[in-house]
């Protein structure tokens, strides 16, 4: 049916930073008093092989 599906799962340990009392970080989430987790990115790349059914130079008729 030509459908492409992906399932992605993440696991790991937070990268944490310390905050002084009353300090606030614009690019992070305060997770406890004096402790924040900075915002970060994940990049996922997929390479697709479009010649699933045929070798180069072959044709496929259904």
N, C-alpha and C. Protein backbone atom coordinates (compact mmCIF):
# COMPACT_ATOMS: atom_id res chain seq x y z
N UNK A 1 0.81 -1.20 0.00
CA UNK A 1 0.00 0.00 0.00
C UNK A 1 0.86 1.26 0.00
N UNK A 2 2.17 1.14 -0.02
CA UNK A 2 3.06 2.30 -0.08
C UNK A 2 3.19 3.07 1.22
N UNK A 3 2.68 2.52 2.30
CA UNK A 3 2.71 3.23 3.58
C UNK A 3 4.11 3.17 4.19
N UNK A 4 4.54 4.29 4.75
CA UNK A 4 5.81 4.36 5.46
C UNK A 4 5.50 4.70 6.91
N UNK A 5 5.99 3.89 7.83
CA UNK A 5 5.75 4.13 9.25
C UNK A 5 7.07 4.14 9.99
N UNK A 6 7.11 4.87 11.09
CA UNK A 6 8.31 4.91 11.94
C UNK A 6 7.88 4.95 13.39
N UNK A 7 8.66 4.31 14.23
CA UNK A 7 8.44 4.36 15.67
C UNK A 7 9.77 4.77 16.30
N UNK A 8 9.73 5.81 17.11
CA UNK A 8 10.95 6.34 17.73
C UNK A 8 10.75 6.35 19.23
N UNK A 9 11.72 5.84 19.95
CA UNK A 9 11.68 5.85 21.41
C UNK A 9 12.99 6.45 21.92
N UNK A 10 12.88 7.25 22.96
CA UNK A 10 14.06 7.89 23.55
C UNK A 10 14.22 7.45 24.99
N UNK A 11 15.44 7.34 25.39
CA UNK A 11 15.74 7.05 26.77
C UNK A 11 17.06 7.71 27.11
N UNK A 12 17.31 7.95 28.33
CA UNK A 12 18.58 8.57 28.68
C UNK A 12 18.52 9.27 30.02
N UNK A 13 19.53 10.06 30.28
CA UNK A 13 19.67 10.78 31.53
C UNK A 13 19.65 12.27 31.21
N UNK A 14 18.88 13.04 31.97
CA UNK A 14 18.81 14.48 31.76
C UNK A 14 20.17 15.13 32.00
N UNK A 15 20.48 16.11 31.16
CA UNK A 15 21.65 16.95 31.39
C UNK A 15 21.17 18.11 32.25
N UNK A 16 21.66 18.23 33.46
CA UNK A 16 21.13 19.20 34.42
C UNK A 16 22.11 20.34 34.65
N UNK A 17 21.54 21.46 35.07
CA UNK A 17 22.35 22.62 35.43
C UNK A 17 21.87 23.18 36.76
N UNK A 18 22.75 23.90 37.44
CA UNK A 18 22.41 24.48 38.74
C UNK A 18 21.92 25.91 38.57
N UNK A 19 21.01 26.33 39.45
CA UNK A 19 20.48 27.69 39.46
C UNK A 19 20.70 28.30 40.83
N UNK A 20 21.04 29.58 40.83
CA UNK A 20 21.11 30.33 42.08
C UNK A 20 19.68 30.60 42.56
N UNK A 21 19.44 30.80 43.84
CA UNK A 21 18.10 31.12 44.33
C UNK A 21 17.52 32.34 43.59
N UNK A 22 16.33 32.18 43.03
CA UNK A 22 15.66 33.25 42.29
C UNK A 22 16.10 33.36 40.83
N UNK A 23 17.06 32.57 40.41
CA UNK A 23 17.54 32.62 39.02
C UNK A 23 16.58 31.86 38.12
N UNK A 24 16.46 32.32 36.86
CA UNK A 24 15.57 31.71 35.88
C UNK A 24 16.34 31.56 34.57
N UNK A 25 16.20 30.45 33.90
CA UNK A 25 16.84 30.24 32.60
C UNK A 25 15.77 30.26 31.51
N UNK A 26 16.00 31.09 30.50
CA UNK A 26 15.04 31.23 29.40
C UNK A 26 14.93 29.95 28.57
N UNK A 27 16.04 29.27 28.35
CA UNK A 27 16.06 28.08 27.49
C UNK A 27 16.26 26.82 28.32
N UNK A 28 15.34 26.57 29.21
CA UNK A 28 15.40 25.38 30.05
C UNK A 28 14.15 25.27 30.88
N UNK A 29 13.98 24.13 31.53
CA UNK A 29 12.83 23.87 32.38
C UNK A 29 13.31 23.64 33.80
N UNK A 30 12.76 24.40 34.73
CA UNK A 30 13.10 24.19 36.14
C UNK A 30 12.42 22.92 36.59
N UNK A 31 13.20 21.94 37.05
CA UNK A 31 12.61 20.66 37.44
C UNK A 31 12.60 20.46 38.95
N UNK A 32 13.32 21.31 39.66
CA UNK A 32 13.33 21.29 41.13
C UNK A 32 13.98 22.60 41.57
N UNK A 33 13.79 23.02 42.80
CA UNK A 33 14.44 24.25 43.25
C UNK A 33 15.96 24.16 43.05
N UNK A 34 16.51 25.14 42.32
CA UNK A 34 17.95 25.18 42.09
C UNK A 34 18.45 24.24 41.01
N UNK A 35 17.54 23.64 40.23
CA UNK A 35 17.94 22.65 39.23
C UNK A 35 17.11 22.83 37.96
N UNK A 36 17.77 22.87 36.81
CA UNK A 36 17.04 22.98 35.54
C UNK A 36 17.63 22.04 34.50
N UNK A 37 16.80 21.73 33.50
CA UNK A 37 17.21 20.91 32.37
C UNK A 37 17.18 21.79 31.13
N UNK A 38 18.32 22.02 30.47
CA UNK A 38 18.35 22.90 29.30
C UNK A 38 17.62 22.28 28.10
N UNK A 39 17.03 23.15 27.29
CA UNK A 39 16.38 22.72 26.06
C UNK A 39 17.46 22.22 25.10
N UNK A 40 17.17 21.14 24.39
CA UNK A 40 18.11 20.59 23.42
C UNK A 40 17.34 19.96 22.27
N UNK A 41 18.04 19.52 21.25
CA UNK A 41 17.40 18.98 20.05
C UNK A 41 17.88 17.56 19.79
N UNK A 42 17.02 16.82 19.09
CA UNK A 42 17.37 15.50 18.58
C UNK A 42 17.10 15.52 17.08
N UNK A 43 17.99 14.96 16.30
CA UNK A 43 17.80 14.87 14.86
C UNK A 43 17.75 13.40 14.47
N UNK A 44 16.75 13.04 13.68
CA UNK A 44 16.60 11.67 13.21
C UNK A 44 16.67 11.68 11.69
N UNK A 45 17.47 10.80 11.13
CA UNK A 45 17.66 10.74 9.69
C UNK A 45 17.34 9.33 9.22
N UNK A 46 16.62 9.23 8.12
CA UNK A 46 16.30 7.92 7.54
C UNK A 46 16.77 7.91 6.09
N UNK A 47 17.40 6.83 5.70
CA UNK A 47 17.82 6.66 4.31
C UNK A 47 16.92 5.60 3.70
N UNK A 48 16.31 5.92 2.58
CA UNK A 48 15.37 4.99 1.95
C UNK A 48 15.98 4.40 0.68
N UNK A 49 15.88 3.09 0.54
CA UNK A 49 16.31 2.41 -0.68
C UNK A 49 15.09 2.26 -1.56
N UNK A 50 15.01 3.05 -2.62
CA UNK A 50 13.82 3.05 -3.47
C UNK A 50 13.79 1.85 -4.42
N UNK A 51 14.87 1.07 -4.53
CA UNK A 51 14.91 -0.10 -5.39
C UNK A 51 14.64 -1.35 -4.57
N UNK A 52 13.51 -1.40 -3.92
CA UNK A 52 13.19 -2.52 -3.04
C UNK A 52 12.93 -3.79 -3.84
N UNK A 53 12.21 -3.69 -4.96
CA UNK A 53 11.81 -4.88 -5.72
C UNK A 53 12.70 -5.17 -6.93
N UNK A 54 13.46 -4.22 -7.42
CA UNK A 54 14.20 -4.40 -8.67
C UNK A 54 15.66 -4.02 -8.52
N UNK A 55 16.47 -4.64 -9.37
CA UNK A 55 17.87 -4.25 -9.48
C UNK A 55 17.96 -3.17 -10.56
N UNK A 56 19.04 -2.39 -10.58
CA UNK A 56 19.17 -1.37 -11.63
C UNK A 56 19.04 -1.98 -13.02
N UNK A 57 18.26 -1.36 -13.89
CA UNK A 57 18.06 -1.85 -15.25
C UNK A 57 16.90 -2.82 -15.40
N UNK A 58 16.35 -3.35 -14.30
CA UNK A 58 15.21 -4.26 -14.37
C UNK A 58 13.91 -3.47 -14.30
N UNK A 59 12.86 -4.07 -14.81
CA UNK A 59 11.53 -3.46 -14.69
C UNK A 59 10.63 -4.40 -13.94
N UNK A 60 9.60 -3.86 -13.35
CA UNK A 60 8.65 -4.66 -12.58
C UNK A 60 7.26 -4.35 -13.08
N UNK A 61 6.57 -5.35 -13.56
CA UNK A 61 5.18 -5.20 -14.01
C UNK A 61 4.29 -6.05 -13.14
N UNK A 62 3.18 -5.49 -12.74
CA UNK A 62 2.27 -6.25 -11.88
C UNK A 62 0.96 -6.48 -12.58
